[in-house]
Protein backbone atom coordinates (compact mmCIF):
# COMPACT_ATOMS: atom_id res chain seq x y z
CA MET A 1 33.63 -40.12 41.40
CA ALA A 2 37.57 -39.41 41.23
CA PHE A 3 38.23 -36.90 43.62
CA GLY A 4 40.52 -38.95 45.42
CA ASN A 5 40.58 -38.77 49.73
CA LEU A 6 42.30 -37.19 52.10
CA SER A 7 43.15 -40.15 54.07
CA SER A 8 45.39 -41.71 51.25
CA ASN A 9 48.09 -40.08 50.54
CA ARG A 10 47.94 -41.27 46.95
CA GLN A 11 47.48 -39.29 44.72
CA THR A 12 45.55 -40.18 41.24
CA PRO A 13 44.78 -37.71 39.02
CA LEU A 14 41.55 -35.54 38.29
CA ALA A 15 39.04 -38.17 35.23
CA ASP A 16 36.13 -35.72 34.91
CA ILE A 17 35.66 -32.34 32.92
CA ASN A 18 33.10 -30.04 34.28
CA VAL A 19 31.45 -29.51 31.62
CA VAL A 20 28.39 -27.15 33.10
CA PRO A 21 30.79 -23.82 31.65
CA LEU A 22 31.16 -24.88 28.86
CA VAL A 23 27.66 -25.74 27.55
CA ASP A 24 26.33 -22.55 28.93
CA VAL A 25 28.61 -20.52 26.32
CA MET A 26 27.68 -23.01 23.83
CA LEU A 27 23.85 -21.92 24.86
CA VAL A 28 24.60 -18.18 24.64
CA LEU A 29 26.50 -18.37 21.48
CA LEU A 30 23.48 -20.46 19.38
CA VAL A 31 20.53 -18.14 21.20
CA ILE A 32 22.87 -14.90 19.94
CA PHE A 33 23.53 -16.32 16.45
CA ILE A 34 18.97 -17.33 16.34
CA ILE A 35 18.60 -14.19 17.19
CA THR A 36 20.97 -11.92 14.22
CA ALA A 37 21.22 -14.74 12.03
CA PRO A 38 17.53 -13.30 10.21
CA LEU A 39 19.23 -9.85 10.07
CA LEU A 40 21.92 -10.96 8.44
CA THR A 41 20.69 -12.88 5.10
CA ASN A 42 19.99 -10.13 2.08
CA ALA A 43 15.88 -10.16 0.26
CA VAL A 44 15.57 -12.57 -2.25
CA LYS A 45 16.94 -11.41 -5.57
CA ILE A 46 13.58 -11.39 -8.06
CA GLU A 47 15.04 -10.48 -11.65
CA LEU A 48 11.46 -7.86 -12.26
CA PRO A 49 10.36 -8.35 -16.05
CA LYS A 50 11.23 -4.26 -17.88
CA ALA A 51 8.71 -2.24 -18.78
CA SER A 52 8.87 1.53 -20.40
CA SER A 53 7.85 3.57 -18.14
CA THR A 54 5.65 6.18 -20.37
CA PRO A 55 2.06 6.35 -19.30
CA ASN A 56 -0.66 4.23 -20.80
CA ILE A 57 -2.86 7.39 -22.85
CA THR A 58 -6.65 5.78 -22.75
CA GLN A 59 -8.31 7.31 -25.33
CA SER A 60 -11.61 6.46 -24.26
CA GLU A 61 -14.83 9.13 -23.58
CA HIS A 62 -14.13 10.62 -20.89
CA ILE A 63 -16.36 14.30 -18.78
CA GLU A 64 -14.19 17.00 -17.10
CA PHE A 65 -16.69 17.46 -14.48
CA GLY A 66 -15.41 20.71 -13.32
CA ILE A 67 -17.40 21.57 -9.14
CA ARG A 68 -15.88 25.19 -7.76
CA GLU A 69 -16.19 26.44 -4.35
CA ASP A 70 -19.73 28.26 -4.15
CA ALA A 71 -21.13 24.58 -5.98
CA SER A 72 -21.87 25.79 -9.14
CA LEU A 73 -21.22 22.77 -11.74
CA PHE A 74 -19.07 22.97 -15.08
CA TRP A 75 -19.82 19.90 -17.57
CA ASN A 76 -16.46 20.16 -20.13
CA GLY A 77 -16.02 24.01 -19.22
CA GLU A 78 -19.88 24.79 -19.51
CA PRO A 79 -21.69 25.82 -16.77
CA VAL A 80 -24.57 22.75 -15.90
CA ALA A 81 -27.26 22.24 -13.27
CA LEU A 82 -27.37 19.96 -11.26
CA ASP A 83 -31.47 18.54 -12.49
CA GLN A 84 -29.50 18.67 -15.98
CA LEU A 85 -27.16 16.06 -14.96
CA THR A 86 -28.69 12.45 -14.71
CA LEU A 87 -30.44 12.77 -18.46
CA ARG A 88 -26.03 14.24 -19.86
CA PHE A 89 -24.80 11.20 -17.55
CA ALA A 90 -27.03 8.74 -19.60
CA ALA A 91 -27.55 10.48 -22.88
CA SER A 92 -22.92 9.90 -22.26
CA VAL A 93 -22.85 5.86 -21.56
CA THR A 94 -25.60 4.97 -24.06
CA GLN A 95 -23.43 6.22 -26.53
CA ASN A 96 -19.66 5.06 -24.75
CA PRO A 97 -20.72 3.26 -21.80
CA ASN A 98 -16.71 2.89 -21.25
CA THR A 99 -17.16 6.51 -20.29
CA GLU A 100 -15.24 8.54 -17.96
CA LEU A 101 -15.08 10.42 -15.04
CA HIS A 102 -12.47 13.53 -13.79
CA ILE A 103 -13.80 15.15 -11.30
CA LEU A 104 -12.26 18.88 -11.08
CA ALA A 105 -13.82 20.11 -7.45
CA ASP A 106 -11.93 22.67 -5.60
CA LYS A 107 -10.44 22.03 -2.78
CA HIS A 108 -12.61 23.89 -1.00
CA VAL A 109 -15.83 22.53 -1.46
CA HIS A 110 -18.03 20.44 0.51
CA TYR A 111 -17.62 16.41 0.35
CA GLU A 112 -21.33 16.31 0.11
CA ASN A 113 -21.56 19.15 -3.31
CA VAL A 114 -19.21 16.19 -4.46
CA ALA A 115 -20.65 13.07 -2.68
CA LYS A 116 -23.97 14.01 -4.88
CA VAL A 117 -22.43 14.32 -8.81
CA MET A 118 -21.00 11.04 -7.36
CA SER A 119 -24.08 9.06 -6.36
CA ILE A 120 -25.68 10.51 -9.74
CA ALA A 121 -23.21 8.95 -12.18
CA ALA A 122 -22.72 5.68 -10.24
CA LYS A 123 -26.86 6.07 -10.48
CA ALA A 124 -26.64 6.31 -15.04
CA GLY A 125 -24.35 3.83 -15.05
CA VAL A 126 -20.93 5.38 -15.01
CA VAL A 127 -18.08 3.24 -13.23
CA ARG A 128 -14.87 4.68 -13.94
CA ILE A 129 -14.89 8.10 -11.29
CA GLY A 130 -10.85 9.39 -11.45
CA PHE A 131 -9.62 12.57 -9.17
CA ILE A 132 -8.02 14.87 -11.04
CA THR A 133 -5.31 16.37 -8.67
CA ASP A 134 -2.88 18.82 -8.85
CA PRO A 135 1.07 17.17 -8.04
CA SER A 136 2.52 19.75 -6.76
CA PRO A 137 3.22 20.54 -3.32
């Protein structure tokens, strides 16, 4: 190393540079850039296709099935008994295989009653079952 000797009178210039602090600073900067670079990138820009926002109104046959809190059942507004459901669902499916079942259930109805109706409808061949809800808060 060229640090010079204390016994000699000749002054020699220092030829080595201490690079350890420079390496430390560079490593700290590298870590900072690695951490912050993903945060600065924006999402991928994609041009999405334009579509109309009007709802698609289906013209298929549908059954509005109501269930009250007291377990009374209604087929398109008229009362119906639980034992008549199998025949009525089967008849509507044979008439139109794309028949939709829209269930309007009171919010205090036991789930068991709703599950019975859904099970009977599924066994009769109704494959499109949906729930009608009130959108108001």
